[in-house]
PDB file of N, CA and C in Angstrom:
ATOM      1  N   UNK A   1      13.035  47.592 -10.283  1.00  0.00           N
ATOM      2  CA  UNK A   1      14.219  48.416 -10.088  1.00  0.00           C
ATOM      3  C   UNK A   1      14.351  49.340 -11.301  1.00  0.00           C
ATOM      4  N   UNK A   2      14.512  50.612 -11.052  1.00  0.00           N
ATOM      5  CA  UNK A   2      14.599  51.586 -12.128  1.00  0.00           C
ATOM      6  C   UNK A   2      16.005  51.618 -12.712  1.00  0.00           C
ATOM      7  N   UNK A   3      16.073  51.803 -14.032  1.00  0.00           N
ATOM      8  CA  UNK A   3      17.375  51.903 -14.683  1.00  0.00           C
ATOM      9  C   UNK A   3      17.935  53.296 -14.499  1.00  0.00           C
ATOM     10  N   UNK A   4      19.248  53.385 -14.449  1.00  0.00           N
ATOM     11  CA  UNK A   4      19.896  54.689 -14.353  1.00  0.00           C
ATOM     12  C   UNK A   4      19.872  55.359 -15.720  1.00  0.00           C
ATOM     13  N   UNK A   5      19.744  56.652 -15.713  1.00  0.00           N
ATOM     14  CA  UNK A   5      19.786  57.370 -16.986  1.00  0.00           C
ATOM     15  C   UNK A   5      21.230  57.397 -17.493  1.00  0.00           C
ATOM     16  N   UNK A   6      21.397  57.765 -18.745  1.00  0.00           N
ATOM     17  CA  UNK A   6      22.733  57.812 -19.338  1.00  0.00           C
ATOM     18  C   UNK A   6      23.646  58.791 -18.599  1.00  0.00           C
ATOM     19  N   UNK A   7      23.102  59.893 -18.116  1.00  0.00           N
ATOM     20  CA  UNK A   7      23.909  60.897 -17.418  1.00  0.00           C
ATOM     21  C   UNK A   7      24.438  60.331 -16.095  1.00  0.00           C
ATOM     22  N   UNK A   8      23.628  59.540 -15.420  1.00  0.00           N
ATOM     23  CA  UNK A   8      24.060  58.951 -14.147  1.00  0.00           C
ATOM     24  C   UNK A   8      25.020  57.789 -14.366  1.00  0.00           C
ATOM     25  N   UNK A   9      24.826  57.039 -15.424  1.00  0.00           N
ATOM     26  CA  UNK A   9      25.631  55.858 -15.667  1.00  0.00           C
ATOM     27  C   UNK A   9      27.036  56.209 -16.130  1.00  0.00           C
ATOM     28  N   UNK A  10      27.164  57.292 -16.902  1.00  0.00           N
ATOM     29  CA  UNK A  10      28.462  57.630 -17.465  1.00  0.00           C
ATOM     30  C   UNK A  10      29.042  58.811 -16.692  1.00  0.00           C
ATOM     31  N   UNK A  11      30.073  58.536 -15.903  1.00  0.00           N
ATOM     32  CA  UNK A  11      30.743  59.587 -15.141  1.00  0.00           C
ATOM     33  C   UNK A  11      31.978  59.999 -15.926  1.00  0.00           C
ATOM     34  N   UNK A  12      32.068  61.277 -16.250  1.00  0.00           N
ATOM     35  CA  UNK A  12      33.182  61.772 -17.050  1.00  0.00           C
ATOM     36  C   UNK A  12      34.260  62.305 -16.121  1.00  0.00           C
ATOM     37  N   UNK A  13      35.468  61.754 -16.246  1.00  0.00           N
ATOM     38  CA  UNK A  13      36.593  62.248 -15.465  1.00  0.00           C
ATOM     39  C   UNK A  13      37.206  63.441 -16.185  1.00  0.00           C
ATOM     40  N   UNK A  14      37.739  64.395 -15.430  1.00  0.00           N
ATOM     41  CA  UNK A  14      38.428  65.513 -16.081  1.00  0.00           C
ATOM     42  C   UNK A  14      39.666  65.006 -16.826  1.00  0.00           C
ATOM     43  N   UNK A  15      40.118  65.782 -17.804  1.00  0.00           N
ATOM     44  CA  UNK A  15      41.285  65.335 -18.559  1.00  0.00           C
ATOM     45  C   UNK A  15      42.533  65.331 -17.666  1.00  0.00           C
ATOM     46  N   UNK A  16      43.614  64.798 -18.176  1.00  0.00           N
ATOM     47  CA  UNK A  16      44.820  64.577 -17.381  1.00  0.00           C
ATOM     48  C   UNK A  16      45.403  65.896 -16.874  1.00  0.00           C
ATOM     49  N   UNK A  17      45.325  66.956 -17.652  1.00  0.00           N
ATOM     50  CA  UNK A  17      45.898  68.232 -17.222  1.00  0.00           C
ATOM     51  C   UNK A  17      45.080  68.848 -16.096  1.00  0.00           C
ATOM     52  N   UNK A  18      43.771  68.677 -16.146  1.00  0.00           N
ATOM     53  CA  UNK A  18      42.913  69.174 -15.072  1.00  0.00           C
ATOM     54  C   UNK A  18      43.197  68.420 -13.771  1.00  0.00           C
ATOM     55  N   UNK A  19      43.405  67.110 -13.891  1.00  0.00           N
ATOM     56  CA  UNK A  19      43.701  66.315 -12.694  1.00  0.00           C
ATOM     57  C   UNK A  19      45.056  66.689 -12.108  1.00  0.00           C
ATOM     58  N   UNK A  20      46.051  66.930 -12.954  1.00  0.00           N
ATOM     59  CA  UNK A  20      47.373  67.352 -12.470  1.00  0.00           C
ATOM     60  C   UNK A  20      47.272  68.713 -11.797  1.00  0.00           C
ATOM     61  N   UNK A  21      46.513  69.634 -12.411  1.00  0.00           N
ATOM     62  CA  UNK A  21      46.316  70.951 -11.813  1.00  0.00           C
ATOM     63  C   UNK A  21      45.642  70.858 -10.450  1.00  0.00           C
ATOM     64  N   UNK A  22      44.618  70.001 -10.340  1.00  0.00           N
ATOM     65  CA  UNK A  22      43.928  69.803  -9.064  1.00  0.00           C
ATOM     66  C   UNK A  22      44.880  69.227  -8.019  1.00  0.00           C
ATOM     67  N   UNK A  23      45.704  68.284  -8.441  1.00  0.00           N
ATOM     68  CA  UNK A  23      46.667  67.664  -7.531  1.00  0.00           C
ATOM     69  C   UNK A  23      47.645  68.710  -6.991  1.00  0.00           C
ATOM     70  N   UNK A  24      48.174  69.547  -7.863  1.00  0.00           N
ATOM     71  CA  UNK A  24      49.121  70.584  -7.440  1.00  0.00           C
ATOM     72  C   UNK A  24      48.432  71.586  -6.511  1.00  0.00           C
ATOM     73  N   UNK A  25      47.188  71.943  -6.815  1.00  0.00           N
ATOM     74  CA  UNK A  25      46.432  72.860  -5.951  1.00  0.00           C
ATOM     75  C   UNK A  25      46.252  72.250  -4.557  1.00  0.00           C
ATOM     76  N   UNK A  26      45.942  70.955  -4.499  1.00  0.00           N
ATOM     77  CA  UNK A  26      45.768  70.287  -3.208  1.00  0.00           C
ATOM     78  C   UNK A  26      47.079  70.238  -2.432  1.00  0.00           C
ATOM     79  N   UNK A  27      48.195  70.051  -3.131  1.00  0.00           N
ATOM     80  CA  UNK A  27      49.505  70.052  -2.470  1.00  0.00           C
ATOM     81  C   UNK A  27      49.769  71.415  -1.848  1.00  0.00           C
ATOM     82  N   UNK A  28      49.517  72.477  -2.598  1.00  0.00           N
ATOM     83  CA  UNK A  28      49.755  73.829  -2.089  1.00  0.00           C
ATOM     84  C   UNK A  28      48.850  74.111  -0.887  1.00  0.00           C
ATOM     85  N   UNK A  29      47.587  73.686  -0.956  1.00  0.00           N
ATOM     86  CA  UNK A  29      46.668  73.874   0.165  1.00  0.00           C
ATOM     87  C   UNK A  29      47.164  73.159   1.419  1.00  0.00           C
ATOM     88  N   UNK A  30      47.694  71.950   1.253  1.00  0.00           N
ATOM     89  CA  UNK A  30      48.206  71.205   2.413  1.00  0.00           C
ATOM     90  C   UNK A  30      49.478  71.852   2.963  1.00  0.00           C
ATOM     91  N   UNK A  31      50.343  72.353   2.076  1.00  0.00           N
ATOM     92  CA  UNK A  31      51.580  72.985   2.538  1.00  0.00           C
ATOM     93  C   UNK A  31      51.309  74.267   3.322  1.00  0.00           C
ATOM     94  N   UNK A  32      50.201  74.927   3.041  1.00  0.00           N
ATOM     95  CA  UNK A  32      49.842  76.131   3.807  1.00  0.00           C
ATOM     96  C   UNK A  32      49.476  75.793   5.245  1.00  0.00           C
ATOM     97  N   UNK A  33      49.085  74.543   5.497  1.00  0.00           N
ATOM     98  CA  UNK A  33      48.711  74.119   6.842  1.00  0.00           C
ATOM     99  C   UNK A  33      49.924  73.765   7.703  1.00  0.00           C
ATOM    100  N   UNK A  34      51.084  73.601   7.092  1.00  0.00           N
ATOM    101  CA  UNK A  34      52.284  73.186   7.803  1.00  0.00           C
ATOM    102  C   UNK A  34      52.750  74.299   8.734  1.00  0.00           C
ATOM    103  N   UNK A  35      53.060  73.930   9.973  1.00  0.00           N
ATOM    104  CA  UNK A  35      53.546  74.899  10.956  1.00  0.00           C
ATOM    105  C   UNK A  35      55.029  74.629  11.173  1.00  0.00           C
ATOM    106  N   UNK A  36      55.850  75.637  10.983  1.00  0.00           N
ATOM    107  CA  UNK A  36      57.285  75.499  11.187  1.00  0.00           C
ATOM    108  C   UNK A  36      57.587  75.548  12.679  1.00  0.00           C
ATOM    109  N   UNK A  37      58.377  74.599  13.183  1.00  0.00           N
ATOM    110  CA  UNK A  37      58.685  74.623  14.618  1.00  0.00           C
ATOM    111  C   UNK A  37      59.578  75.811  14.976  1.00  0.00           C
ATOM    112  N   UNK A  38      59.454  76.234  16.227  1.00  0.00           N
ATOM    113  CA  UNK A  38      60.328  77.308  16.699  1.00  0.00           C
ATOM    114  C   UNK A  38      61.724  76.748  16.891  1.00  0.00           C
ATOM    115  N   UNK A  39      62.684  77.638  17.079  1.00  0.00           N
ATOM    116  CA  UNK A  39      64.071  77.207  17.280  1.00  0.00           C
ATOM    117  C   UNK A  39      64.187  76.313  18.523  1.00  0.00           C
ATOM    118  N   UNK A  40      63.488  76.691  19.593  1.00  0.00           N
ATOM    119  CA  UNK A  40      63.527  75.912  20.841  1.00  0.00           C
ATOM    120  C   UNK A  40      62.948  74.511  20.628  1.00  0.00           C
ATOM    121  N   UNK A  41      61.798  74.423  19.925  1.00  0.00           N
ATOM    122  CA  UNK A  41      61.187  73.124  19.650  1.00  0.00           C
ATOM    123  C   UNK A  41      62.110  72.260  18.797  1.00  0.00           C
ATOM    124  N   UNK A  42      62.727  72.875  17.804  1.00  0.00           N
ATOM    125  CA  UNK A  42      63.615  72.138  16.920  1.00  0.00           C
ATOM    126  C   UNK A  42      64.805  71.562  17.680  1.00  0.00           C
ATOM    127  N   UNK A  43      65.392  72.373  18.569  1.00  0.00           N
ATOM    128  CA  UNK A  43      66.531  71.915  19.364  1.00  0.00           C
ATOM    129  C   UNK A  43      66.104  70.790  20.300  1.00  0.00           C
ATOM    130  N   UNK A  44      64.961  70.963  20.985  1.00  0.00           N
ATOM    131  CA  UNK A  44      64.512  69.929  21.929  1.00  0.00           C
ATOM    132  C   UNK A  44      64.188  68.613  21.227  1.00  0.00           C
ATOM    133  N   UNK A  45      63.514  68.678  20.086  1.00  0.00           N
ATOM    134  CA  UNK A  45      63.202  67.454  19.357  1.00  0.00           C
ATOM    135  C   UNK A  45      64.467  66.803  18.791  1.00  0.00           C
ATOM    136  N   UNK A  46      65.429  67.613  18.366  1.00  0.00           N
ATOM    137  CA  UNK A  46      66.692  67.057  17.866  1.00  0.00           C
ATOM    138  C   UNK A  46      67.429  66.323  18.974  1.00  0.00           C
ATOM    139  N   UNK A  47      67.451  66.912  20.177  1.00  0.00           N
ATOM    140  CA  UNK A  47      68.099  66.258  21.320  1.00  0.00           C
ATOM    141  C   UNK A  47      67.370  64.961  21.670  1.00  0.00           C
ATOM    142  N   UNK A  48      66.036  64.993  21.654  1.00  0.00           N
ATOM    143  CA  UNK A  48      65.260  63.783  21.961  1.00  0.00           C
ATOM    144  C   UNK A  48      65.564  62.666  20.960  1.00  0.00           C
ATOM    145  N   UNK A  49      65.644  63.003  19.688  1.00  0.00           N
ATOM    146  CA  UNK A  49      65.951  62.002  18.662  1.00  0.00           C
ATOM    147  C   UNK A  49      67.370  61.465  18.859  1.00  0.00           C
ATOM    148  N   UNK A  50      68.309  62.348  19.155  1.00  0.00           N
ATOM    149  CA  UNK A  50      69.694  61.934  19.370  1.00  0.00           C
ATOM    150  C   UNK A  50      69.790  60.960  20.547  1.00  0.00           C
ATOM    151  N   UNK A  51      69.122  61.277  21.653  1.00  0.00           N
ATOM    152  CA  UNK A  51      69.137  60.393  22.836  1.00  0.00           C
ATOM    153  C   UNK A  51      68.494  59.051  22.501  1.00  0.00           C
ATOM    154  N   UNK A  52      67.388  59.062  21.773  1.00  0.00           N
ATOM    155  CA  UNK A  52      66.716  57.823  21.396  1.00  0.00           C
ATOM    156  C   UNK A  52      67.608  56.958  20.512  1.00  0.00           C
ATOM    157  N   UNK A  53      68.302  57.565  19.572  1.00  0.00           N
ATOM    158  CA  UNK A  53      69.200  56.812  18.683  1.00  0.00           C
ATOM    159  C   UNK A  53      70.351  56.210  19.489  1.00  0.00           C
ATOM    160  N   UNK A  54      70.924  56.984  20.413  1.00  0.00           N
ATOM    161  CA  UNK A  54      71.998  56.463  21.271  1.00  0.00           C
ATOM    162  C   UNK A  54      71.491  55.278  22.085  1.00  0.00           C
ATOM    163  N   UNK A  55      70.278  55.418  22.661  1.00  0.00           N
ATOM    164  CA  UNK A  55      69.689  54.317  23.439  1.00  0.00           C
ATOM    165  C   UNK A  55      69.541  53.062  22.578  1.00  0.00           C
ATOM    166  N   UNK A  56      69.004  53.212  21.366  1.00  0.00           N
ATOM    167  CA  UNK A  56      68.836  52.047  20.495  1.00  0.00           C
ATOM    168  C   UNK A  56      70.171  51.433  20.096  1.00  0.00           C
ATOM    169  N   UNK A  57      71.187  52.282  19.875  1.00  0.00           N
ATOM    170  CA  UNK A  57      72.515  51.757  19.539  1.00  0.00           C
ATOM    171  C   UNK A  57      73.060  50.921  20.696  1.00  0.00           C
ATOM    172  N   UNK A  58      72.915  51.427  21.930  1.00  0.00           N
ATOM    173  CA  UNK A  58      73.391  50.681  23.099  1.00  0.00           C
ATOM    174  C   UNK A  58      72.608  49.385  23.268  1.00  0.00           C
ATOM    175  N   UNK A  59      71.302  49.434  23.046  1.00  0.00           N
ATOM    176  CA  UNK A  59      70.464  48.244  23.176  1.00  0.00           C
ATOM    177  C   UNK A  59      70.873  47.168  22.169  1.00  0.00           C
ATOM    178  N   UNK A  60      71.031  47.561  20.912  1.00  0.00           N
ATOM    179  CA  UNK A  60      71.403  46.594  19.868  1.00  0.00           C
ATOM    180  C   UNK A  60      72.818  46.073  20.104  1.00  0.00           C
ATOM    181  N   UNK A  61      73.726  46.947  20.553  1.00  0.00           N
ATOM    182  CA  UNK A  61      75.085  46.506  20.864  1.00  0.00           C
ATOM    183  C   UNK A  61      75.076  45.484  21.993  1.00  0.00           C
ATOM    184  N   UNK A  62      74.265  45.753  23.022  1.00  0.00           N
ATOM    185  CA  UNK A  62      74.146  44.812  24.139  1.00  0.00           C
ATOM    186  C   UNK A  62      73.577  43.474  23.694  1.00  0.00           C
ATOM    187  N   UNK A  63      72.550  43.515  22.859  1.00  0.00           N
ATOM    188  CA  UNK A  63      71.982  42.266  22.349  1.00  0.00           C
ATOM    189  C   UNK A  63      73.009  41.505  21.511  1.00  0.00           C
ATOM    190  N   UNK A  64      73.722  42.201  20.672  1.00  0.00           N
ATOM    191  CA  UNK A  64      74.727  41.567  19.820  1.00  0.00           C
ATOM    192  C   UNK A  64      75.815  40.913  20.679  1.00  0.00           C
ATOM    193  N   UNK A  65      76.294  41.663  21.665  1.00  0.00           N
ATOM    194  CA  UNK A  65      77.348  41.134  22.531  1.00  0.00           C
ATOM    195  C   UNK A  65      76.837  39.944  23.346  1.00  0.00           C
ATOM    196  N   UNK A  66      75.637  40.109  23.949  1.00  0.00           N
ATOM    197  CA  UNK A  66      75.070  39.039  24.774  1.00  0.00           C
ATOM    198  C   UNK A  66      74.771  37.781  23.984  1.00  0.00           C
ATOM    199  N   UNK A  67      74.150  37.933  22.830  1.00  0.00           N
ATOM    200  CA  UNK A  67      73.830  36.754  22.023  1.00  0.00           C
ATOM    201  C   UNK A  67      75.095  36.120  21.443  1.00  0.00           C
ATOM    202  N   UNK A  68      76.095  36.951  21.149  1.00  0.00           N
ATOM    203  CA  UNK A  68      77.379  36.398  20.678  1.00  0.00           C
ATOM    204  C   UNK A  68      78.028  35.543  21.752  1.00  0.00           C
ATOM    205  N   UNK A  69      78.031  36.027  23.000  1.00  0.00           N
ATOM    206  CA  UNK A  69      78.595  35.247  24.106  1.00  0.00           C
ATOM    207  C   UNK A  69      77.795  33.952  24.324  1.00  0.00           C
ATOM    208  N   UNK A  70      76.457  34.062  24.221  1.00  0.00           N
ATOM    209  CA  UNK A  70      75.602  32.878  24.406  1.00  0.00           C
ATOM    210  C   UNK A  70      75.904  31.842  23.344  1.00  0.00           C
ATOM    211  N   UNK A  71      76.039  32.243  22.103  1.00  0.00           N
ATOM    212  CA  UNK A  71      76.342  31.312  21.016  1.00  0.00           C
ATOM    213  C   UNK A  71      77.707  30.666  21.237  1.00  0.00           C
ATOM    214  N   UNK A  72      78.687  31.467  21.710  1.00  0.00           N
ATOM    215  CA  UNK A  72      80.019  30.911  21.976  1.00  0.00           C
ATOM    216  C   UNK A  72      79.968  29.885  23.114  1.00  0.00           C
ATOM    217  N   UNK A  73      79.117  30.134  24.120  1.00  0.00           N
ATOM    218  CA  UNK A  73      78.995  29.166  25.210  1.00  0.00           C
ATOM    219  C   UNK A  73      78.332  27.863  24.734  1.00  0.00           C
ATOM    220  N   UNK A  74      77.339  27.982  23.879  1.00  0.00           N
ATOM    221  CA  UNK A  74      76.601  26.805  23.410  1.00  0.00           C
ATOM    222  C   UNK A  74      77.435  26.014  22.390  1.00  0.00           C
ATOM    223  N   UNK A  75      77.972  26.697  21.391  1.00  0.00           N
ATOM    224  CA  UNK A  75      78.664  26.013  20.297  1.00  0.00           C
ATOM    225  C   UNK A  75      80.177  26.064  20.409  1.00  0.00           C
ATOM    226  N   UNK A  76      80.672  26.814  21.342  1.00  0.00           N
ATOM    227  CA  UNK A  76      81.984  27.107  21.670  1.00  0.00           C
ATOM    228  C   UNK A  76      83.178  26.722  21.045  1.00  0.00           C
TER     229      UNK A  76
END
């Protein structure tokens, strides 16, 4: 098995400022890919989220009420 040369064995990381600069550059590159929704899409998704939250509230309320009644019947 051949030994690695010193250049291959020692990997030099960039200094902290270079890494921070690279990180910020990558953030900006990713933000350029973001697509802003249209007004219609925003309204439709907001309504969908609102309906889903109402549904979950009713579901949890029903479970709370039903399990409360069940506990009262059992331990009454």
